[in-house]
Amino acid sequence: MAETFRCTLVTPEEQVLDDDVIYVTFPAWDGQVGIAPGRSPLLARVGIGSMRLDFPGGASRWYMLEGGFAQMLGDRLTILSDKSTPAETLIASDAARELEAALTMPAADEEAIKAREKAQQAAREKRRMARVASERGI
């Protein structure tokens, strides 16, 4: 069995990552999913939350994902995310301001309610990830 697999992360704006990894965990819409070499095929909807990539040699990297789709096929994991942000670029005070704005978003109809909830969830996760990244010295 292979010890690594290829992981590609793409957003509408750019290809963020295309590298060999030994493990990936990402937020599916219904919970965290872990991917290791030899994983059976998978198609999942990506939720809002943190993605961790573990590289050969022991290094890890974190991203904040906001929606999209993930597919594991053969020895390749492809994640098409609506938005991805490296954890080291997240700033807790910026996320706190985003959360304040999200909490005051109007919610006149079902679509607006969903948008407000998504914005609040993303801002809370960004704030959490910024604090964790700061604690780890990332």
Protein backbone atom coordinates (compact mmCIF):
# COMPACT_ATOMS: atom_id res chain seq x y z
CA MET A 1 0.00 0.00 0.00
CA ALA A 2 1.21 3.50 -0.81
CA GLU A 3 2.35 5.68 2.05
CA THR A 4 1.15 8.92 0.47
CA PHE A 5 -1.57 10.19 -1.82
CA ARG A 6 -2.01 13.35 -3.87
CA CYS A 7 -4.14 16.17 -2.47
CA THR A 8 -5.31 19.04 -4.65
CA LEU A 9 -7.17 22.03 -3.21
CA VAL A 10 -8.84 24.37 -5.69
CA THR A 11 -11.00 27.47 -5.24
CA PRO A 12 -12.75 29.44 -7.99
CA GLU A 13 -9.80 31.86 -7.97
CA GLU A 14 -6.78 29.54 -7.85
CA GLN A 15 -5.22 26.16 -7.28
CA VAL A 16 -4.16 26.48 -3.65
CA LEU A 17 -2.34 23.19 -3.19
CA ASP A 18 -1.21 20.16 -5.17
CA ASP A 19 1.08 17.99 -3.06
CA ASP A 20 1.71 14.52 -1.64
CA VAL A 21 0.30 14.01 1.85
CA ILE A 22 0.02 11.18 4.35
CA TYR A 23 -3.26 12.25 5.97
CA VAL A 24 -6.01 14.87 5.52
CA THR A 25 -8.97 15.73 7.68
CA PHE A 26 -11.61 18.13 6.38
CA PRO A 27 -15.09 19.33 7.37
CA ALA A 28 -17.87 17.52 5.56
CA TRP A 29 -21.36 18.96 5.93
CA ASP A 30 -22.14 16.27 8.52
CA GLY A 31 -18.81 16.07 10.41
CA GLN A 32 -15.05 15.76 10.05
CA VAL A 33 -13.75 13.21 7.53
CA GLY A 34 -10.29 11.67 7.72
CA ILE A 35 -8.48 10.46 4.61
CA ALA A 36 -5.46 8.13 4.66
CA PRO A 37 -3.66 6.30 1.84
CA GLY A 38 -5.74 3.47 0.39
CA ARG A 39 -9.06 5.12 1.28
CA SER A 40 -12.02 3.78 -0.65
CA PRO A 41 -13.71 6.18 -3.10
CA LEU A 42 -15.64 9.04 -1.55
CA LEU A 43 -17.69 12.00 -2.69
CA ALA A 44 -18.63 14.47 0.05
CA ARG A 45 -20.05 17.94 0.42
CA VAL A 46 -17.57 20.20 2.23
CA GLY A 47 -18.84 22.19 5.19
CA ILE A 48 -17.34 25.10 7.10
CA GLY A 49 -14.33 24.37 9.27
CA SER A 50 -10.69 23.43 9.50
CA MET A 51 -8.77 21.17 7.15
CA ARG A 52 -5.47 19.68 8.34
CA LEU A 53 -2.92 18.25 5.94
CA ASP A 54 -0.08 16.07 7.24
CA PHE A 55 2.96 15.84 4.99
CA PRO A 56 5.73 13.23 4.80
CA GLY A 57 8.44 14.25 7.23
CA GLY A 58 6.04 15.40 9.95
CA ALA A 59 4.96 18.90 8.84
CA SER A 60 1.29 19.89 8.98
CA ARG A 61 -0.70 22.75 7.50
CA TRP A 62 -4.20 24.07 8.26
CA TYR A 63 -6.79 25.81 6.09
CA MET A 64 -10.21 27.24 6.79
CA LEU A 65 -12.67 25.83 4.24
CA GLU A 66 -16.07 27.29 3.44
CA GLY A 67 -18.17 24.87 1.42
CA GLY A 68 -17.59 22.92 -1.76
CA PHE A 69 -17.06 19.26 -2.66
CA ALA A 70 -14.38 16.62 -2.05
CA GLN A 71 -13.65 13.48 -4.05
CA MET A 72 -11.28 10.66 -3.19
CA LEU A 73 -10.62 8.45 -6.19
CA GLY A 74 -7.66 6.11 -6.41
CA ASP A 75 -4.66 7.82 -4.87
CA ARG A 76 -5.99 11.38 -5.35
CA LEU A 77 -8.07 13.62 -3.10
CA THR A 78 -9.51 16.64 -4.88
CA ILE A 79 -11.20 19.36 -2.87
CA LEU A 80 -13.12 22.05 -4.72
CA SER A 81 -13.81 24.67 -2.09
CA ASP A 82 -15.90 27.82 -2.38
CA LYS A 83 -13.26 29.55 -0.25
CA SER A 84 -10.06 28.50 1.54
CA THR A 85 -7.88 30.54 3.85
CA PRO A 86 -4.51 29.48 5.30
CA ALA A 87 -4.78 29.37 9.09
CA GLU A 88 -1.66 31.50 9.52
CA THR A 89 -3.39 34.43 7.79
CA LEU A 90 -6.44 34.44 10.09
CA ILE A 91 -6.60 37.22 12.69
CA ALA A 92 -8.90 36.79 15.70
CA SER A 93 -9.87 40.48 15.87
CA ASP A 94 -10.87 40.48 12.18
CA ALA A 95 -12.96 37.35 12.76
CA ALA A 96 -14.61 38.98 15.78
CA ARG A 97 -15.61 41.96 13.62
CA GLU A 98 -16.94 39.56 10.96
CA LEU A 99 -19.01 37.85 13.65
CA GLU A 100 -20.43 41.17 14.88
CA ALA A 101 -21.46 42.02 11.32
CA ALA A 102 -22.95 38.55 10.79
CA LEU A 103 -24.99 38.80 13.98
CA THR A 104 -26.67 41.96 12.70
CA MET A 105 -27.42 40.70 9.18
CA PRO A 106 -31.12 40.98 8.28
CA ALA A 107 -33.10 37.77 8.09
CA ALA A 108 -36.28 38.62 6.22
CA ASP A 109 -36.67 35.33 4.38
CA GLU A 110 -35.35 31.75 4.35
CA GLU A 111 -32.43 32.58 2.03
CA ALA A 112 -31.33 35.50 4.20
CA ILE A 113 -31.58 33.35 7.33
CA LYS A 114 -29.33 30.69 5.77
CA ALA A 115 -26.81 33.33 4.63
CA ARG A 116 -26.73 34.84 8.12
CA GLU A 117 -26.22 31.43 9.76
CA LYS A 118 -23.43 30.56 7.32
CA ALA A 119 -21.68 33.89 7.92
CA GLN A 120 -21.92 33.43 11.69
CA GLN A 121 -20.58 29.87 11.52
CA ALA A 122 -17.66 30.94 9.29
CA ALA A 123 -16.76 33.88 11.54
CA ARG A 124 -16.83 31.73 14.67
CA GLU A 125 -14.63 29.09 13.04
CA LYS A 126 -12.18 31.74 11.78
CA ARG A 127 -11.94 33.19 15.27
CA ARG A 128 -11.31 29.73 16.76
CA MET A 129 -8.71 28.82 14.14
CA ALA A 130 -6.94 32.18 14.54
CA ARG A 131 -6.61 31.59 18.29
CA VAL A 132 -5.33 28.03 17.80
CA ALA A 133 -2.85 29.13 15.13
CA SER A 134 -1.60 31.89 17.44
CA GLU A 135 -1.18 29.43 20.33
CA ARG A 136 0.77 27.03 18.11
CA GLY A 137 2.95 29.81 16.72
CA ILE A 138 1.83 29.13 13.16
